[in-house]
């Protein structure tokens, strides 16, 4: 943080953002590990897919359904917590760096 050309309050805000993101991802990763111990991704999809169909989610939210389906097929699961962490951290750090340039 020290080399960033931000005032101390900005450095504190940037650090809080990164730490809050990391904490949130750690919780998501822990939750995903517990879910995987209880059921396979295929079992999860069968259970949740039936519920989503009953709720008419595909018709009500076609964009979210399309993205979620593509992601699920590519990852074999509803989420990839590791990929979300890597993507999010990169975006946050790039954003902090860009903000510090201003």
C-alpha atoms as a PDB file:
ATOM      1  CA  UNK A   1       0.000   0.000   0.000  1.00  0.00           C
ATOM      2  CA  UNK A   2       2.765   2.428   0.856  1.00  0.00           C
ATOM      3  CA  UNK A   3       3.979   3.058  -2.715  1.00  0.00           C
ATOM      4  CA  UNK A   4       0.477   3.905  -3.951  1.00  0.00           C
ATOM      5  CA  UNK A   5       0.072   7.628  -4.542  1.00  0.00           C
ATOM      6  CA  UNK A   6      -3.078   7.782  -2.437  1.00  0.00           C
ATOM      7  CA  UNK A   7      -3.786   9.682   0.753  1.00  0.00           C
ATOM      8  CA  UNK A   8      -3.835   7.516   3.884  1.00  0.00           C
ATOM      9  CA  UNK A   9      -7.646   7.428   3.864  1.00  0.00           C
ATOM     10  CA  UNK A  10      -7.537   6.133   0.279  1.00  0.00           C
ATOM     11  CA  UNK A  11      -4.980   3.490   1.231  1.00  0.00           C
ATOM     12  CA  UNK A  12      -7.211   2.430   4.107  1.00  0.00           C
ATOM     13  CA  UNK A  13     -10.232   2.191   1.793  1.00  0.00           C
ATOM     14  CA  UNK A  14      -8.251   0.182  -0.783  1.00  0.00           C
ATOM     15  CA  UNK A  15      -6.988  -2.202   1.889  1.00  0.00           C
ATOM     16  CA  UNK A  16     -10.487  -2.627   3.341  1.00  0.00           C
ATOM     17  CA  UNK A  17     -11.828  -3.390  -0.144  1.00  0.00           C
ATOM     18  CA  UNK A  18      -9.213  -6.086  -0.767  1.00  0.00           C
ATOM     19  CA  UNK A  19      -9.581  -7.629   2.695  1.00  0.00           C
ATOM     20  CA  UNK A  20     -13.386  -7.667   2.512  1.00  0.00           C
ATOM     21  CA  UNK A  21     -13.222  -9.301  -0.915  1.00  0.00           C
ATOM     22  CA  UNK A  22     -10.756 -11.946   0.283  1.00  0.00           C
ATOM     23  CA  UNK A  23     -12.898 -12.668   3.374  1.00  0.00           C
ATOM     24  CA  UNK A  24     -16.008 -13.044   1.224  1.00  0.00           C
ATOM     25  CA  UNK A  25     -14.236 -15.401  -1.174  1.00  0.00           C
ATOM     26  CA  UNK A  26     -12.873 -17.481   1.687  1.00  0.00           C
ATOM     27  CA  UNK A  27     -16.425 -17.938   2.989  1.00  0.00           C
ATOM     28  CA  UNK A  28     -17.635 -18.902  -0.497  1.00  0.00           C
ATOM     29  CA  UNK A  29     -14.807 -21.396  -0.926  1.00  0.00           C
ATOM     30  CA  UNK A  30     -15.512 -22.935   2.466  1.00  0.00           C
ATOM     31  CA  UNK A  31     -19.227 -23.184   1.663  1.00  0.00           C
ATOM     32  CA  UNK A  32     -18.469 -24.799  -1.724  1.00  0.00           C
ATOM     33  CA  UNK A  33     -16.197 -27.384  -0.073  1.00  0.00           C
ATOM     34  CA  UNK A  34     -18.936 -28.284   2.417  1.00  0.00           C
ATOM     35  CA  UNK A  35     -21.500 -28.601  -0.388  1.00  0.00           C
ATOM     36  CA  UNK A  36     -19.179 -30.868  -2.401  1.00  0.00           C
ATOM     37  CA  UNK A  37     -18.753 -33.117   0.633  1.00  0.00           C
ATOM     38  CA  UNK A  38     -22.533 -33.542   0.859  1.00  0.00           C
ATOM     39  CA  UNK A  39     -23.428 -34.013  -2.816  1.00  0.00           C
ATOM     40  CA  UNK A  40     -21.877 -34.050  -6.258  1.00  0.00           C
ATOM     41  CA  UNK A  41     -22.333 -31.135  -8.665  1.00  0.00           C
ATOM     42  CA  UNK A  42     -24.629 -33.373 -10.732  1.00  0.00           C
ATOM     43  CA  UNK A  43     -26.834 -34.056  -7.695  1.00  0.00           C
ATOM     44  CA  UNK A  44     -26.906 -30.334  -6.916  1.00  0.00           C
ATOM     45  CA  UNK A  45     -27.942 -29.484 -10.504  1.00  0.00           C
ATOM     46  CA  UNK A  46     -30.694 -32.096 -10.475  1.00  0.00           C
ATOM     47  CA  UNK A  47     -32.124 -30.747  -7.225  1.00  0.00           C
ATOM     48  CA  UNK A  48     -31.703 -27.051  -7.944  1.00  0.00           C
ATOM     49  CA  UNK A  49     -32.572 -27.317 -11.647  1.00  0.00           C
ATOM     50  CA  UNK A  50     -35.951 -28.806 -10.789  1.00  0.00           C
ATOM     51  CA  UNK A  51     -36.604 -25.997  -8.323  1.00  0.00           C
ATOM     52  CA  UNK A  52     -35.558 -23.324 -10.840  1.00  0.00           C
ATOM     53  CA  UNK A  53     -37.856 -24.860 -13.446  1.00  0.00           C
ATOM     54  CA  UNK A  54     -40.795 -24.825 -10.994  1.00  0.00           C
ATOM     55  CA  UNK A  55     -40.149 -21.144 -10.310  1.00  0.00           C
ATOM     56  CA  UNK A  56     -40.041 -20.290 -14.021  1.00  0.00           C
ATOM     57  CA  UNK A  57     -36.594 -18.755 -13.700  1.00  0.00           C
ATOM     58  CA  UNK A  58     -35.599 -19.490 -17.292  1.00  0.00           C
ATOM     59  CA  UNK A  59     -38.578 -17.585 -18.666  1.00  0.00           C
ATOM     60  CA  UNK A  60     -38.368 -14.743 -16.165  1.00  0.00           C
ATOM     61  CA  UNK A  61     -34.602 -14.234 -16.355  1.00  0.00           C
ATOM     62  CA  UNK A  62     -33.400 -15.451 -19.767  1.00  0.00           C
ATOM     63  CA  UNK A  63     -30.026 -13.674 -19.683  1.00  0.00           C
ATOM     64  CA  UNK A  64     -29.138 -14.944 -16.211  1.00  0.00           C
ATOM     65  CA  UNK A  65     -30.336 -18.417 -17.192  1.00  0.00           C
ATOM     66  CA  UNK A  66     -28.235 -18.447 -20.348  1.00  0.00           C
ATOM     67  CA  UNK A  67     -25.111 -17.254 -18.536  1.00  0.00           C
ATOM     68  CA  UNK A  68     -25.656 -19.638 -15.626  1.00  0.00           C
ATOM     69  CA  UNK A  69     -26.204 -22.603 -17.937  1.00  0.00           C
ATOM     70  CA  UNK A  70     -23.083 -21.832 -19.983  1.00  0.00           C
ATOM     71  CA  UNK A  71     -21.026 -21.411 -16.835  1.00  0.00           C
ATOM     72  CA  UNK A  72     -22.368 -24.614 -15.308  1.00  0.00           C
ATOM     73  CA  UNK A  73     -21.595 -26.599 -18.425  1.00  0.00           C
ATOM     74  CA  UNK A  74     -18.079 -25.153 -18.708  1.00  0.00           C
ATOM     75  CA  UNK A  75     -17.218 -25.667 -15.022  1.00  0.00           C
ATOM     76  CA  UNK A  76     -19.306 -28.709 -14.216  1.00  0.00           C
ATOM     77  CA  UNK A  77     -20.717 -26.796 -11.252  1.00  0.00           C
ATOM     78  CA  UNK A  78     -22.810 -23.739 -10.487  1.00  0.00           C
ATOM     79  CA  UNK A  79     -19.760 -21.819  -9.354  1.00  0.00           C
ATOM     80  CA  UNK A  80     -16.002 -21.967  -9.457  1.00  0.00           C
ATOM     81  CA  UNK A  81     -14.991 -20.125  -6.318  1.00  0.00           C
ATOM     82  CA  UNK A  82     -11.294 -20.229  -7.247  1.00  0.00           C
ATOM     83  CA  UNK A  83     -11.948 -18.683 -10.661  1.00  0.00           C
ATOM     84  CA  UNK A  84     -14.208 -16.023  -9.129  1.00  0.00           C
ATOM     85  CA  UNK A  85     -11.495 -15.167  -6.619  1.00  0.00           C
ATOM     86  CA  UNK A  86      -8.763 -14.860  -9.255  1.00  0.00           C
ATOM     87  CA  UNK A  87     -10.936 -12.758 -11.571  1.00  0.00           C
ATOM     88  CA  UNK A  88     -12.262 -10.512  -8.816  1.00  0.00           C
ATOM     89  CA  UNK A  89      -8.900  -9.883  -7.196  1.00  0.00           C
ATOM     90  CA  UNK A  90      -7.345  -8.999 -10.555  1.00  0.00           C
ATOM     91  CA  UNK A  91     -10.151  -6.549 -11.340  1.00  0.00           C
ATOM     92  CA  UNK A  92      -9.977  -4.951  -7.898  1.00  0.00           C
ATOM     93  CA  UNK A  93      -6.189  -4.557  -7.952  1.00  0.00           C
ATOM     94  CA  UNK A  94      -6.283  -3.149 -11.485  1.00  0.00           C
ATOM     95  CA  UNK A  95      -8.991  -0.707 -10.390  1.00  0.00           C
ATOM     96  CA  UNK A  96      -6.968   0.415  -7.379  1.00  0.00           C
ATOM     97  CA  UNK A  97      -3.909   0.915  -9.591  1.00  0.00           C
ATOM     98  CA  UNK A  98      -5.938   2.968 -12.086  1.00  0.00           C
ATOM     99  CA  UNK A  99      -7.464   5.038  -9.294  1.00  0.00           C
ATOM    100  CA  UNK A 100      -4.022   5.745  -7.880  1.00  0.00           C
ATOM    101  CA  UNK A 101      -2.893   7.085 -11.287  1.00  0.00           C
ATOM    102  CA  UNK A 102      -5.557   9.784 -11.304  1.00  0.00           C
END
